[in-house]
Amino acid sequence: MSDRPGPLDRATNAASPARVLDRAGVVANLGERVRILGRYESREFADLLGHVWFHGPMLALADGTLLFFEPAERDSDEVLKHEGREVEILGLLKPPPAPSFDVASVEVESMTLIGVD
């Protein structure tokens, strides 16, 4: 019997998005569909030169890494419900939009509050 994964194993693994908790996970999974855990926080979004592009909700990971949401403009009800709370995002990780940005983005497929009964 072989220890190599069969077609069913590969299909199961492909269907299970990686879990991202920090910057290393973001870098390792750019371009992939993932589950990301972090805190929903309103912050300024600035490039590396300090130019502030907007103030709005972002995802703050445990190590301080920030991700902005796509679409960037979020529904006001979503902001009120999630602000300052831990969430799990299912979505596609995208690289920074330009070299002067150090913030990747996540195209949100779904968002779930963590620790809510």
C-alpha atoms as a PDB file:
ATOM      1  CA  MET A   1       0.000   0.000   0.000  1.00  0.00           C
ATOM      2  CA  SER A   2       1.334   3.450  -0.942  1.00  0.00           C
ATOM      3  CA  ASP A   3       1.712   6.423   1.410  1.00  0.00           C
ATOM      4  CA  ARG A   4       1.219   8.789  -1.526  1.00  0.00           C
ATOM      5  CA  PRO A   5      -2.064  10.703  -1.507  1.00  0.00           C
ATOM      6  CA  GLY A   6      -4.665   9.434  -3.939  1.00  0.00           C
ATOM      7  CA  PRO A   7      -7.019  11.538  -6.073  1.00  0.00           C
ATOM      8  CA  LEU A   8      -9.625  11.759  -3.303  1.00  0.00           C
ATOM      9  CA  ASP A   9      -7.009  12.995  -0.774  1.00  0.00           C
ATOM     10  CA  ARG A  10      -5.786  15.676  -3.193  1.00  0.00           C
ATOM     11  CA  ALA A  11      -9.354  16.793  -3.934  1.00  0.00           C
ATOM     12  CA  THR A  12     -10.128  17.065  -0.211  1.00  0.00           C
ATOM     13  CA  ASN A  13      -6.958  19.073   0.477  1.00  0.00           C
ATOM     14  CA  ALA A  14      -7.617  21.368  -2.502  1.00  0.00           C
ATOM     15  CA  ALA A  15     -11.123  22.055  -1.202  1.00  0.00           C
ATOM     16  CA  SER A  16      -9.875  22.988   2.280  1.00  0.00           C
ATOM     17  CA  PRO A  17      -8.537  26.560   2.273  1.00  0.00           C
ATOM     18  CA  ALA A  18      -5.371  27.214   4.274  1.00  0.00           C
ATOM     19  CA  ARG A  19      -5.823  28.930   7.632  1.00  0.00           C
ATOM     20  CA  VAL A  20      -3.941  32.251   7.801  1.00  0.00           C
ATOM     21  CA  LEU A  21      -3.057  33.816  11.153  1.00  0.00           C
ATOM     22  CA  ASP A  22      -0.051  36.064  10.433  1.00  0.00           C
ATOM     23  CA  ARG A  23       2.165  37.777   7.829  1.00  0.00           C
ATOM     24  CA  ALA A  24       4.012  34.548   6.991  1.00  0.00           C
ATOM     25  CA  GLY A  25       0.672  32.904   6.191  1.00  0.00           C
ATOM     26  CA  VAL A  26      -0.339  35.856   4.017  1.00  0.00           C
ATOM     27  CA  VAL A  27       2.921  35.757   2.032  1.00  0.00           C
ATOM     28  CA  ALA A  28       2.776  31.967   1.638  1.00  0.00           C
ATOM     29  CA  ASN A  29      -0.809  32.028   0.357  1.00  0.00           C
ATOM     30  CA  LEU A  30      -1.055  35.093  -1.915  1.00  0.00           C
ATOM     31  CA  GLY A  31      -3.382  34.318  -4.801  1.00  0.00           C
ATOM     32  CA  GLU A  32      -5.073  31.504  -2.869  1.00  0.00           C
ATOM     33  CA  ARG A  33      -8.520  31.048  -1.340  1.00  0.00           C
ATOM     34  CA  VAL A  34      -7.982  31.037   2.441  1.00  0.00           C
ATOM     35  CA  ARG A  35      -9.574  31.331   5.875  1.00  0.00           C
ATOM     36  CA  ILE A  36      -8.112  34.303   7.751  1.00  0.00           C
ATOM     37  CA  LEU A  37      -8.537  35.000  11.457  1.00  0.00           C
ATOM     38  CA  GLY A  38      -8.186  38.536  12.768  1.00  0.00           C
ATOM     39  CA  ARG A  39      -9.837  41.602  14.273  1.00  0.00           C
ATOM     40  CA  TYR A  40     -12.143  43.866  12.238  1.00  0.00           C
ATOM     41  CA  GLU A  41     -10.841  47.402  12.875  1.00  0.00           C
ATOM     42  CA  SER A  42     -11.296  50.812  11.293  1.00  0.00           C
ATOM     43  CA  ARG A  43      -7.874  52.226  10.429  1.00  0.00           C
ATOM     44  CA  GLU A  44      -6.176  54.680   8.132  1.00  0.00           C
ATOM     45  CA  PHE A  45      -4.966  53.093   4.924  1.00  0.00           C
ATOM     46  CA  ALA A  46      -1.644  54.648   3.916  1.00  0.00           C
ATOM     47  CA  ASP A  47       1.109  53.752   1.491  1.00  0.00           C
ATOM     48  CA  LEU A  48       4.764  53.368   2.524  1.00  0.00           C
ATOM     49  CA  LEU A  49       5.316  57.063   1.770  1.00  0.00           C
ATOM     50  CA  GLY A  50       2.704  58.001   4.383  1.00  0.00           C
ATOM     51  CA  HIS A  51      -0.002  59.186   1.983  1.00  0.00           C
ATOM     52  CA  VAL A  52      -3.375  58.305   3.564  1.00  0.00           C
ATOM     53  CA  TRP A  53      -5.785  56.965   0.941  1.00  0.00           C
ATOM     54  CA  PHE A  54      -8.805  56.407   3.194  1.00  0.00           C
ATOM     55  CA  HIS A  55      -9.959  55.577   6.712  1.00  0.00           C
ATOM     56  CA  GLY A  56     -12.015  52.424   6.882  1.00  0.00           C
ATOM     57  CA  PRO A  57     -12.354  48.850   8.070  1.00  0.00           C
ATOM     58  CA  MET A  58      -9.392  46.501   7.730  1.00  0.00           C
ATOM     59  CA  LEU A  59      -8.471  43.102   9.107  1.00  0.00           C
ATOM     60  CA  ALA A  60      -5.747  43.196  11.787  1.00  0.00           C
ATOM     61  CA  LEU A  61      -3.979  39.865  12.297  1.00  0.00           C
ATOM     62  CA  ALA A  62      -2.502  38.788  15.652  1.00  0.00           C
ATOM     63  CA  ASP A  63       1.026  39.877  14.651  1.00  0.00           C
ATOM     64  CA  GLY A  64      -0.119  43.358  13.577  1.00  0.00           C
ATOM     65  CA  THR A  65      -0.283  42.587   9.847  1.00  0.00           C
ATOM     66  CA  LEU A  66      -3.103  44.522   8.171  1.00  0.00           C
ATOM     67  CA  LEU A  67      -5.219  43.435   5.216  1.00  0.00           C
ATOM     68  CA  PHE A  68      -7.717  45.632   3.474  1.00  0.00           C
ATOM     69  CA  PHE A  69     -11.031  44.320   2.242  1.00  0.00           C
ATOM     70  CA  GLU A  70     -12.205  44.087  -1.341  1.00  0.00           C
ATOM     71  CA  PRO A  71     -14.443  45.757  -1.997  1.00  0.00           C
ATOM     72  CA  ALA A  72     -12.905  48.449   0.237  1.00  0.00           C
ATOM     73  CA  GLU A  73     -16.178  50.233   0.904  1.00  0.00           C
ATOM     74  CA  ARG A  74     -18.127  48.179   3.402  1.00  0.00           C
ATOM     75  CA  ASP A  75     -21.804  48.331   4.327  1.00  0.00           C
ATOM     76  CA  SER A  76     -22.395  50.493   7.422  1.00  0.00           C
ATOM     77  CA  ASP A  77     -24.403  47.686   9.085  1.00  0.00           C
ATOM     78  CA  GLU A  78     -21.434  45.335   8.613  1.00  0.00           C
ATOM     79  CA  VAL A  79     -19.073  47.876  10.176  1.00  0.00           C
ATOM     80  CA  LEU A  80     -21.348  48.375  13.205  1.00  0.00           C
ATOM     81  CA  LYS A  81     -21.787  44.625  13.703  1.00  0.00           C
ATOM     82  CA  HIS A  82     -18.099  43.664  13.325  1.00  0.00           C
ATOM     83  CA  GLU A  83     -16.043  46.688  14.497  1.00  0.00           C
ATOM     84  CA  GLY A  84     -13.466  45.660  17.123  1.00  0.00           C
ATOM     85  CA  ARG A  85     -14.479  41.995  17.039  1.00  0.00           C
ATOM     86  CA  GLU A  86     -12.678  38.823  16.047  1.00  0.00           C
ATOM     87  CA  VAL A  87     -13.761  37.473  12.669  1.00  0.00           C
ATOM     88  CA  GLU A  88     -12.975  34.665  10.289  1.00  0.00           C
ATOM     89  CA  ILE A  89     -12.876  35.647   6.622  1.00  0.00           C
ATOM     90  CA  LEU A  90     -13.168  33.200   3.756  1.00  0.00           C
ATOM     91  CA  GLY A  91     -11.786  34.762   0.613  1.00  0.00           C
ATOM     92  CA  LEU A  92      -9.073  35.246  -1.972  1.00  0.00           C
ATOM     93  CA  LEU A  93      -5.765  36.777  -0.815  1.00  0.00           C
ATOM     94  CA  LYS A  94      -4.452  39.391  -3.245  1.00  0.00           C
ATOM     95  CA  PRO A  95      -1.026  41.048  -3.330  1.00  0.00           C
ATOM     96  CA  PRO A  96      -0.540  44.754  -2.585  1.00  0.00           C
ATOM     97  CA  PRO A  97      -1.911  46.913  -5.426  1.00  0.00           C
ATOM     98  CA  ALA A  98       1.388  48.765  -5.979  1.00  0.00           C
ATOM     99  CA  PRO A  99       5.013  48.581  -4.781  1.00  0.00           C
ATOM    100  CA  SER A 100       4.460  51.551  -2.445  1.00  0.00           C
ATOM    101  CA  PHE A 101       1.831  49.597  -0.479  1.00  0.00           C
ATOM    102  CA  ASP A 102       2.743  47.067   2.175  1.00  0.00           C
ATOM    103  CA  VAL A 103      -0.824  45.872   2.654  1.00  0.00           C
ATOM    104  CA  ALA A 104      -2.335  42.918   0.812  1.00  0.00           C
ATOM    105  CA  SER A 105      -6.084  42.550   0.419  1.00  0.00           C
ATOM    106  CA  VAL A 106      -8.697  39.879   0.811  1.00  0.00           C
ATOM    107  CA  GLU A 107     -11.623  39.574  -1.582  1.00  0.00           C
ATOM    108  CA  VAL A 108     -14.326  38.680   0.946  1.00  0.00           C
ATOM    109  CA  GLU A 109     -16.484  35.683   0.188  1.00  0.00           C
ATOM    110  CA  SER A 110     -17.905  35.348   3.700  1.00  0.00           C
ATOM    111  CA  MET A 111     -17.318  36.823   7.162  1.00  0.00           C
ATOM    112  CA  THR A 112     -18.151  35.144  10.458  1.00  0.00           C
ATOM    113  CA  LEU A 113     -17.946  36.570  13.965  1.00  0.00           C
ATOM    114  CA  ILE A 114     -15.796  34.410  16.257  1.00  0.00           C
ATOM    115  CA  GLY A 115     -16.972  33.496  19.747  1.00  0.00           C
ATOM    116  CA  VAL A 116     -20.607  34.405  19.164  1.00  0.00           C
ATOM    117  CA  ASP A 117     -23.238  31.903  20.213  1.00  0.00           C
END
